[in-house]
Amino acid sequence: MYRSVAVRAAQLSGRRLQSTVAVPAGTRVEQTFVDLPQDEQRKTILQLNEVMKQDWTKITMEDKRALYFVAYGPHNARRPHVKPGDNMKVFVGVVATIALGLGLSSFVRSSVPKSRTLTKEWQEDSNRIARENNINPISGVSSEGYKGKGFVQSN
């Protein structure tokens, strides 16, 4: 009696309802996973989760690649936002913007007349006024023995 119960228990516990070989789950997942509908993707992920529970030394390289792709591959939220050719568009846009800025800046600088305070005569008069009013008597133009140019910057 005990023997038949033990044999039946061994037969029931020895049966597996699912195959350990998960070839359909891992075949060409990199090419087909993105094109699958959401429910098929979920089924594939569940199949691969079952494969992960097995001994890793017995899992095929194809299944390992599929597991890696599902975990870290460029799909769904990990899909890259940049399309091929976008880098060149960004580069051309940056170069065009810099060129436009330089062109606009040079146009504005060339169209405005030179300031009258930038002439050498004006700057020499600024030195004379600084000496008369004793501006910065310690180290400036009106100090004793000053040998610098003062306010003169033009040639």
N, C-alpha and C. Protein backbone atom coordinates (compact mmCIF):
# COMPACT_ATOMS: atom_id res chain seq x y z
N MET A 1 0.82 -1.19 0.00
CA MET A 1 0.00 0.00 0.00
C MET A 1 0.86 1.26 0.00
N TYR A 2 1.84 1.29 0.90
CA TYR A 2 2.71 2.45 0.94
C TYR A 2 3.54 2.56 -0.33
N ARG A 3 3.89 1.41 -0.87
CA ARG A 3 4.69 1.39 -2.07
C ARG A 3 3.93 1.99 -3.25
N SER A 4 2.70 1.67 -3.44
CA SER A 4 1.91 2.20 -4.55
C SER A 4 1.67 3.71 -4.39
N VAL A 5 1.50 4.16 -3.18
CA VAL A 5 1.33 5.60 -2.95
C VAL A 5 2.62 6.34 -3.29
N ALA A 6 3.74 5.77 -2.89
CA ALA A 6 5.04 6.39 -3.18
C ALA A 6 5.31 6.41 -4.67
N VAL A 7 4.96 5.33 -5.38
CA VAL A 7 5.18 5.28 -6.82
C VAL A 7 4.31 6.30 -7.52
N ARG A 8 3.05 6.42 -7.12
CA ARG A 8 2.16 7.41 -7.72
C ARG A 8 2.65 8.83 -7.47
N ALA A 9 3.11 9.11 -6.27
CA ALA A 9 3.63 10.44 -5.94
C ALA A 9 4.86 10.75 -6.78
N ALA A 10 5.70 9.76 -6.97
CA ALA A 10 6.90 9.96 -7.79
C ALA A 10 6.53 10.21 -9.24
N GLN A 11 5.51 9.52 -9.73
CA GLN A 11 5.08 9.72 -11.11
C GLN A 11 4.48 11.10 -11.29
N LEU A 12 3.68 11.55 -10.33
CA LEU A 12 3.05 12.86 -10.46
C LEU A 12 4.07 13.98 -10.33
N SER A 13 4.99 13.83 -9.38
CA SER A 13 5.97 14.90 -9.20
C SER A 13 7.03 14.88 -10.30
N GLY A 14 7.21 13.77 -10.95
CA GLY A 14 8.20 13.65 -12.01
C GLY A 14 7.74 14.24 -13.32
N ARG A 15 6.46 14.47 -13.48
CA ARG A 15 5.94 15.02 -14.73
C ARG A 15 6.15 16.52 -14.78
N ARG A 16 6.45 16.99 -15.96
CA ARG A 16 6.55 18.42 -16.16
C ARG A 16 5.50 18.81 -17.17
N LEU A 17 4.84 19.89 -16.89
CA LEU A 17 3.79 20.33 -17.80
C LEU A 17 4.33 21.26 -18.88
N GLN A 18 5.55 21.73 -18.68
CA GLN A 18 6.11 22.66 -19.65
C GLN A 18 7.47 22.15 -20.08
N SER A 19 7.78 22.36 -21.31
CA SER A 19 9.06 21.89 -21.83
C SER A 19 10.19 22.78 -21.34
N THR A 20 11.35 22.20 -21.14
CA THR A 20 12.51 23.00 -20.74
C THR A 20 13.17 23.66 -21.93
N VAL A 21 12.86 23.19 -23.11
CA VAL A 21 13.43 23.78 -24.30
C VAL A 21 12.50 24.90 -24.76
N ALA A 22 13.03 26.11 -24.81
CA ALA A 22 12.21 27.27 -25.17
C ALA A 22 12.67 27.85 -26.50
N VAL A 23 12.75 27.03 -27.47
CA VAL A 23 13.22 27.47 -28.78
C VAL A 23 12.32 28.54 -29.38
N PRO A 24 10.97 28.41 -29.30
CA PRO A 24 10.16 29.46 -29.91
C PRO A 24 10.33 30.81 -29.24
N ALA A 25 10.64 30.81 -27.95
CA ALA A 25 10.76 32.09 -27.26
C ALA A 25 12.00 32.84 -27.71
N GLY A 26 13.06 32.15 -28.02
CA GLY A 26 14.31 32.82 -28.28
C GLY A 26 14.70 32.97 -29.72
N THR A 27 13.91 32.44 -30.64
CA THR A 27 14.34 32.48 -32.04
C THR A 27 14.15 33.87 -32.62
N ARG A 28 15.24 34.43 -33.05
CA ARG A 28 15.26 35.74 -33.72
C ARG A 28 14.43 36.80 -33.01
N VAL A 29 14.55 36.88 -31.72
CA VAL A 29 13.78 37.87 -30.95
C VAL A 29 14.20 39.28 -31.33
N GLU A 30 15.47 39.47 -31.64
CA GLU A 30 15.96 40.81 -31.97
C GLU A 30 15.23 41.39 -33.18
N GLN A 31 14.90 40.53 -34.17
CA GLN A 31 14.25 41.03 -35.36
C GLN A 31 12.74 41.12 -35.21
N THR A 32 12.14 40.20 -34.45
CA THR A 32 10.68 40.12 -34.44
C THR A 32 10.02 40.77 -33.23
N PHE A 33 10.75 41.00 -32.15
CA PHE A 33 10.12 41.46 -30.91
C PHE A 33 9.47 42.82 -31.07
N VAL A 34 10.11 43.72 -31.77
CA VAL A 34 9.59 45.09 -31.91
C VAL A 34 8.30 45.10 -32.71
N ASP A 35 8.18 44.20 -33.68
CA ASP A 35 7.00 44.18 -34.55
C ASP A 35 5.81 43.44 -33.93
N LEU A 36 6.02 42.73 -32.85
CA LEU A 36 4.93 41.98 -32.22
C LEU A 36 3.95 42.91 -31.51
N PRO A 37 2.66 42.51 -31.44
CA PRO A 37 1.71 43.28 -30.63
C PRO A 37 2.07 43.16 -29.15
N GLN A 38 1.50 44.04 -28.33
CA GLN A 38 1.83 44.09 -26.90
C GLN A 38 1.57 42.75 -26.21
N ASP A 39 0.44 42.11 -26.50
CA ASP A 39 0.14 40.85 -25.81
C ASP A 39 1.13 39.75 -26.20
N GLU A 40 1.56 39.73 -27.46
CA GLU A 40 2.56 38.75 -27.88
C GLU A 40 3.91 39.04 -27.22
N GLN A 41 4.22 40.32 -27.08
CA GLN A 41 5.46 40.68 -26.39
C GLN A 41 5.43 40.20 -24.95
N ARG A 42 4.29 40.39 -24.30
CA ARG A 42 4.16 39.92 -22.90
C ARG A 42 4.31 38.41 -22.81
N LYS A 43 3.70 37.69 -23.76
CA LYS A 43 3.83 36.22 -23.76
C LYS A 43 5.29 35.81 -23.95
N THR A 44 5.97 36.48 -24.85
CA THR A 44 7.38 36.16 -25.08
C THR A 44 8.20 36.44 -23.83
N ILE A 45 7.90 37.55 -23.17
CA ILE A 45 8.62 37.88 -21.93
C ILE A 45 8.35 36.84 -20.86
N LEU A 46 7.11 36.39 -20.76
CA LEU A 46 6.79 35.35 -19.77
C LEU A 46 7.51 34.04 -20.09
N GLN A 47 7.57 33.68 -21.38
CA GLN A 47 8.29 32.46 -21.76
C GLN A 47 9.78 32.59 -21.41
N LEU A 48 10.33 33.76 -21.67
CA LEU A 48 11.74 33.96 -21.37
C LEU A 48 12.00 34.00 -19.87
N ASN A 49 11.02 34.46 -19.10
CA ASN A 49 11.16 34.42 -17.64
C ASN A 49 11.22 32.98 -17.15
N GLU A 50 10.45 32.11 -17.78
CA GLU A 50 10.52 30.69 -17.42
C GLU A 50 11.88 30.11 -17.80
N VAL A 51 12.42 30.55 -18.92
CA VAL A 51 13.74 30.08 -19.34
C VAL A 51 14.79 30.54 -18.34
N MET A 52 14.64 31.75 -17.81
CA MET A 52 15.60 32.29 -16.85
C MET A 52 15.67 31.47 -15.57
N LYS A 53 14.60 30.81 -15.21
CA LYS A 53 14.56 30.03 -13.97
C LYS A 53 15.34 28.73 -14.08
N GLN A 54 15.74 28.38 -15.29
CA GLN A 54 16.47 27.13 -15.50
C GLN A 54 17.95 27.31 -15.16
N ASP A 55 18.68 26.23 -15.25
CA ASP A 55 20.12 26.25 -15.03
C ASP A 55 20.77 27.01 -16.19
N TRP A 56 21.57 28.02 -15.88
CA TRP A 56 22.14 28.87 -16.91
C TRP A 56 23.18 28.16 -17.76
N THR A 57 23.71 27.08 -17.29
CA THR A 57 24.67 26.35 -18.11
C THR A 57 23.98 25.56 -19.21
N LYS A 58 22.69 25.31 -19.06
CA LYS A 58 21.95 24.53 -20.05
C LYS A 58 21.15 25.41 -21.02
N ILE A 59 21.13 26.70 -20.79
CA ILE A 59 20.39 27.60 -21.68
C ILE A 59 21.24 27.85 -22.92
N THR A 60 20.58 27.85 -24.07
CA THR A 60 21.30 28.06 -25.32
C THR A 60 21.73 29.52 -25.46
N MET A 61 22.69 29.74 -26.32
CA MET A 61 23.18 31.10 -26.55
C MET A 61 22.08 31.96 -27.17
N GLU A 62 21.25 31.34 -28.00
CA GLU A 62 20.13 32.06 -28.62
C GLU A 62 19.18 32.59 -27.55
N ASP A 63 18.87 31.76 -26.55
CA ASP A 63 17.99 32.18 -25.47
C ASP A 63 18.64 33.26 -24.61
N LYS A 64 19.93 33.14 -24.40
CA LYS A 64 20.64 34.17 -23.62
C LYS A 64 20.60 35.51 -24.34
N ARG A 65 20.77 35.47 -25.66
CA ARG A 65 20.68 36.70 -26.44
C ARG A 65 19.28 37.28 -26.38
N ALA A 66 18.29 36.42 -26.46
CA ALA A 66 16.90 36.88 -26.38
C ALA A 66 16.62 37.50 -25.02
N LEU A 67 17.11 36.87 -23.96
CA LEU A 67 16.93 37.42 -22.61
C LEU A 67 17.58 38.78 -22.49
N TYR A 68 18.78 38.90 -23.01
CA TYR A 68 19.49 40.18 -22.94
C TYR A 68 18.74 41.25 -23.74
N PHE A 69 18.26 40.87 -24.93
CA PHE A 69 17.55 41.84 -25.77
C PHE A 69 16.28 42.31 -25.10
N VAL A 70 15.52 41.40 -24.51
CA VAL A 70 14.27 41.78 -23.87
C VAL A 70 14.54 42.68 -22.67
N ALA A 71 15.63 42.41 -21.95
CA ALA A 71 15.94 43.21 -20.76
C ALA A 71 16.54 44.56 -21.12
N TYR A 72 17.45 44.60 -22.10
CA TYR A 72 18.20 45.83 -22.36
C TYR A 72 18.12 46.33 -23.78
N GLY A 73 17.34 45.72 -24.63
CA GLY A 73 17.32 46.08 -26.04
C GLY A 73 16.60 47.38 -26.33
N PRO A 74 16.82 47.93 -27.52
CA PRO A 74 16.20 49.19 -27.90
C PRO A 74 14.76 49.01 -28.37
N HIS A 75 13.86 48.82 -27.46
CA HIS A 75 12.45 48.68 -27.79
C HIS A 75 11.62 49.35 -26.71
N ASN A 76 10.41 49.71 -27.06
CA ASN A 76 9.46 50.38 -26.16
C ASN A 76 10.10 51.60 -25.51
N ALA A 77 10.26 51.62 -24.20
CA ALA A 77 10.78 52.80 -23.52
C ALA A 77 12.26 53.03 -23.81
N ARG A 78 12.97 52.00 -24.22
CA ARG A 78 14.40 52.14 -24.51
C ARG A 78 14.67 52.44 -25.99
N ARG A 79 13.63 52.67 -26.75
CA ARG A 79 13.81 52.96 -28.17
C ARG A 79 14.54 54.30 -28.29
N PRO A 80 15.56 54.38 -29.11
CA PRO A 80 16.30 55.64 -29.24
C PRO A 80 15.42 56.73 -29.85
N HIS A 81 15.57 57.93 -29.32
CA HIS A 81 14.79 59.06 -29.82
C HIS A 81 15.40 59.66 -31.09
N VAL A 82 16.67 59.40 -31.30
CA VAL A 82 17.38 59.96 -32.43
C VAL A 82 17.32 58.98 -33.59
N LYS A 83 16.92 59.50 -34.74
CA LYS A 83 16.86 58.67 -35.95
C LYS A 83 18.17 58.82 -36.71
N PRO A 84 18.47 57.90 -37.60
CA PRO A 84 19.69 58.05 -38.41
C PRO A 84 19.63 59.32 -39.24
N GLY A 85 20.70 60.08 -39.23
CA GLY A 85 20.75 61.33 -39.98
C GLY A 85 20.43 62.55 -39.14
N ASP A 86 19.92 62.37 -37.93
CA ASP A 86 19.60 63.51 -37.07
C ASP A 86 20.86 64.23 -36.59
N ASN A 87 21.95 63.50 -36.41
CA ASN A 87 23.19 64.14 -35.95
C ASN A 87 23.67 65.16 -36.96
N MET A 88 23.57 64.84 -38.24
CA MET A 88 24.00 65.77 -39.27
C MET A 88 23.10 67.00 -39.30
N LYS A 89 21.80 66.80 -39.10
CA LYS A 89 20.87 67.93 -39.06
C LYS A 89 21.21 68.87 -37.91
N VAL A 90 21.53 68.30 -36.76
CA VAL A 90 21.89 69.12 -35.60
C VAL A 90 23.18 69.87 -35.87
N PHE A 91 24.17 69.19 -36.44
CA PHE A 91 25.44 69.84 -36.75
C PHE A 91 25.25 71.00 -37.72
N VAL A 92 24.50 70.77 -38.79
CA VAL A 92 24.25 71.83 -39.78
C VAL A 92 23.48 72.98 -39.14
N GLY A 93 22.52 72.68 -38.28
CA GLY A 93 21.76 73.72 -37.61
C GLY A 93 22.63 74.57 -36.70
N VAL A 94 23.53 73.92 -35.96
CA VAL A 94 24.43 74.67 -35.07
C VAL A 94 25.37 75.55 -35.87
N VAL A 95 25.96 74.99 -36.93
CA VAL A 95 26.88 75.78 -37.76
C VAL A 95 26.13 76.95 -38.41
N ALA A 96 24.92 76.73 -38.90
CA ALA A 96 24.15 77.81 -39.52
C ALA A 96 23.80 78.89 -38.49
N THR A 97 23.46 78.49 -37.28
CA THR A 97 23.13 79.47 -36.24
C THR A 97 24.34 80.30 -35.86
N ILE A 98 25.49 79.65 -35.72
CA ILE A 98 26.72 80.39 -35.40
C ILE A 98 27.08 81.35 -36.53
N ALA A 99 26.96 80.90 -37.78
CA ALA A 99 27.26 81.76 -38.93
C ALA A 99 26.29 82.94 -38.98
N LEU A 100 25.03 82.70 -38.72
CA LEU A 100 24.05 83.78 -38.70
C LEU A 100 24.37 84.78 -37.60
N GLY A 101 24.74 84.29 -36.43
CA GLY A 101 25.10 85.18 -35.32
C GLY A 101 26.32 86.02 -35.63
N LEU A 102 27.35 85.39 -36.23
CA LEU A 102 28.55 86.15 -36.60
C LEU A 102 28.25 87.18 -37.68
N GLY A 103 27.45 86.80 -38.66
CA GLY A 103 27.08 87.73 -39.72
C GLY A 103 26.28 88.91 -39.19
N LEU A 104 25.32 88.65 -38.33
CA LEU A 104 24.52 89.71 -37.74
C LEU A 104 25.37 90.63 -36.87
N SER A 105 26.27 90.04 -36.11
CA SER A 105 27.15 90.83 -35.25
C SER A 105 28.07 91.73 -36.07
N SER A 106 28.66 91.19 -37.13
CA SER A 106 29.55 92.01 -37.96
C SER A 106 28.77 93.09 -38.70
N PHE A 107 27.55 92.80 -39.11
CA PHE A 107 26.72 93.82 -39.77
C PHE A 107 26.40 94.96 -38.82
N VAL A 108 26.04 94.63 -37.59
CA VAL A 108 25.70 95.67 -36.61
C VAL A 108 26.94 96.50 -36.29
N ARG A 109 28.09 95.87 -36.12
CA ARG A 109 29.31 96.61 -35.80
C ARG A 109 29.75 97.50 -36.95
N SER A 110 29.53 97.06 -38.18
CA SER A 110 29.96 97.87 -39.32
C SER A 110 28.98 99.00 -39.61
N SER A 111 27.73 98.85 -39.24
CA SER A 111 26.75 99.88 -39.56
C SER A 111 26.71 101.00 -38.52
N VAL A 112 27.25 100.78 -37.34
CA VAL A 112 27.25 101.81 -36.29
C VAL A 112 28.52 102.64 -36.44
N PRO A 113 28.40 103.99 -36.41
CA PRO A 113 29.61 104.81 -36.53
C PRO A 113 30.50 104.68 -35.29
N LYS A 114 31.80 104.94 -35.48
CA LYS A 114 32.76 104.83 -34.38
C LYS A 114 32.46 105.90 -33.34
N SER A 115 32.55 105.53 -32.09
CA SER A 115 32.25 106.47 -31.00
C SER A 115 33.30 107.57 -30.94
N ARG A 116 32.87 108.80 -30.61
CA ARG A 116 33.82 109.91 -30.57
C ARG A 116 34.72 109.84 -29.34
N THR A 117 34.33 109.04 -28.34
CA THR A 117 35.16 108.92 -27.15
C THR A 117 36.31 107.94 -27.35
N LEU A 118 36.37 107.28 -28.49
CA LEU A 118 37.45 106.35 -28.78
C LEU A 118 38.60 106.99 -29.55
N THR A 119 38.51 108.28 -29.84
CA THR A 119 39.61 108.94 -30.55
C THR A 119 40.75 109.23 -29.58
N LYS A 120 41.96 109.37 -30.13
CA LYS A 120 43.15 109.59 -29.29
C LYS A 120 43.07 110.96 -28.60
N GLU A 121 42.54 111.97 -29.29
CA GLU A 121 42.44 113.31 -28.72
C GLU A 121 41.52 113.30 -27.49
N TRP A 122 40.41 112.58 -27.59
CA TRP A 122 39.46 112.51 -26.46
C TRP A 122 40.13 111.85 -25.25
N GLN A 123 40.85 110.77 -25.49
CA GLN A 123 41.50 110.05 -24.40
C GLN A 123 42.62 110.88 -23.77
N GLU A 124 43.36 111.66 -24.58
CA GLU A 124 44.39 112.55 -24.02
C GLU A 124 43.76 113.66 -23.19
N ASP A 125 42.60 114.17 -23.65
CA ASP A 125 41.88 115.16 -22.84
C ASP A 125 41.38 114.55 -21.54
N SER A 126 41.00 113.26 -21.57
CA SER A 126 40.59 112.58 -20.33
C SER A 126 41.76 112.50 -19.36
N ASN A 127 42.97 112.28 -19.86
CA ASN A 127 44.17 112.29 -19.01
C ASN A 127 44.39 113.68 -18.40
N ARG A 128 44.24 114.73 -19.22
CA ARG A 128 44.44 116.10 -18.74
C ARG A 128 43.43 116.44 -17.65
N ILE A 129 42.15 116.06 -17.85
CA ILE A 129 41.10 116.34 -16.86
C ILE A 129 41.37 115.55 -15.58
N ALA A 130 41.87 114.33 -15.70
CA ALA A 130 42.18 113.52 -14.53
C ALA A 130 43.30 114.16 -13.71
N ARG A 131 44.32 114.74 -14.38
CA ARG A 131 45.41 115.41 -13.65
C ARG A 131 44.91 116.68 -12.98
N GLU A 132 44.05 117.43 -13.69
CA GLU A 132 43.53 118.68 -13.11
C GLU A 132 42.67 118.42 -11.88
N ASN A 133 41.85 117.35 -11.92
CA ASN A 133 40.94 117.06 -10.80
C ASN A 133 41.56 116.10 -9.78
N ASN A 134 42.84 115.74 -9.97
CA ASN A 134 43.58 114.87 -9.06
C ASN A 134 42.84 113.54 -8.84
N ILE A 135 42.42 112.92 -9.95
CA ILE A 135 41.71 111.64 -9.89
C ILE A 135 42.73 110.53 -9.66
N ASN A 136 42.49 109.66 -8.68
CA ASN A 136 43.34 108.52 -8.33
C ASN A 136 44.79 108.97 -8.10
N PRO A 137 45.02 109.76 -7.03
CA PRO A 137 46.35 110.33 -6.79
C PRO A 137 47.38 109.32 -6.29
N ILE A 138 46.98 108.11 -5.91
CA ILE A 138 47.93 107.15 -5.36
C ILE A 138 48.63 106.37 -6.47
N SER A 139 47.86 105.79 -7.40
CA SER A 139 48.49 104.97 -8.44
C SER A 139 48.03 105.34 -9.84
N GLY A 140 47.21 106.36 -9.99
CA GLY A 140 46.65 106.69 -11.28
C GLY A 140 47.43 107.74 -12.03
N VAL A 141 46.77 108.42 -12.98
CA VAL A 141 47.38 109.41 -13.86
C VAL A 141 47.93 110.59 -13.06
N SER A 142 47.25 110.99 -12.00
CA SER A 142 47.67 112.17 -11.26
C SER A 142 48.65 111.85 -10.13
N SER A 143 49.17 110.64 -10.05
CA SER A 143 50.17 110.31 -9.04
C SER A 143 51.54 110.84 -9.47
N GLU A 144 52.44 111.03 -8.48
CA GLU A 144 53.78 111.55 -8.78
C GLU A 144 54.60 110.49 -9.52
N GLY A 145 55.26 110.88 -10.56
CA GLY A 145 56.13 109.99 -11.31
C GLY A 145 55.38 108.96 -12.16
N TYR A 146 54.12 109.23 -12.51
CA TYR A 146 53.35 108.28 -13.34
C TYR A 146 53.90 108.28 -14.76
N LYS A 147 54.18 107.09 -15.29
CA LYS A 147 54.77 106.98 -16.62
C LYS A 147 53.91 106.17 -17.59
N GLY A 148 52.67 105.78 -17.21
CA GLY A 148 51.83 104.97 -18.08
C GLY A 148 51.09 105.80 -19.11
N LYS A 149 50.25 105.15 -19.90
CA LYS A 149 49.47 105.82 -20.94
C LYS A 149 48.25 106.52 -20.37
N GLY A 150 47.76 106.07 -19.22
CA GLY A 150 46.54 106.65 -18.66
C GLY A 150 45.32 106.11 -19.37
N PHE A 151 44.49 107.03 -19.85
CA PHE A 151 43.25 106.63 -20.52
C PHE A 151 43.45 106.37 -22.02
N VAL A 152 44.64 106.62 -22.53
CA VAL A 152 44.89 106.48 -23.97
C VAL A 152 45.00 104.99 -24.30
N GLN A 153 44.09 104.54 -25.16
CA GLN A 153 44.10 103.15 -25.61
C GLN A 153 44.29 103.05 -27.12
N SER A 154 43.99 104.12 -27.83
CA SER A 154 44.10 104.11 -29.29
C SER A 154 45.53 104.41 -29.70
N ASN A 155 45.89 104.04 -30.90
CA ASN A 155 47.22 104.33 -31.44
C ASN A 155 47.19 105.54 -32.30
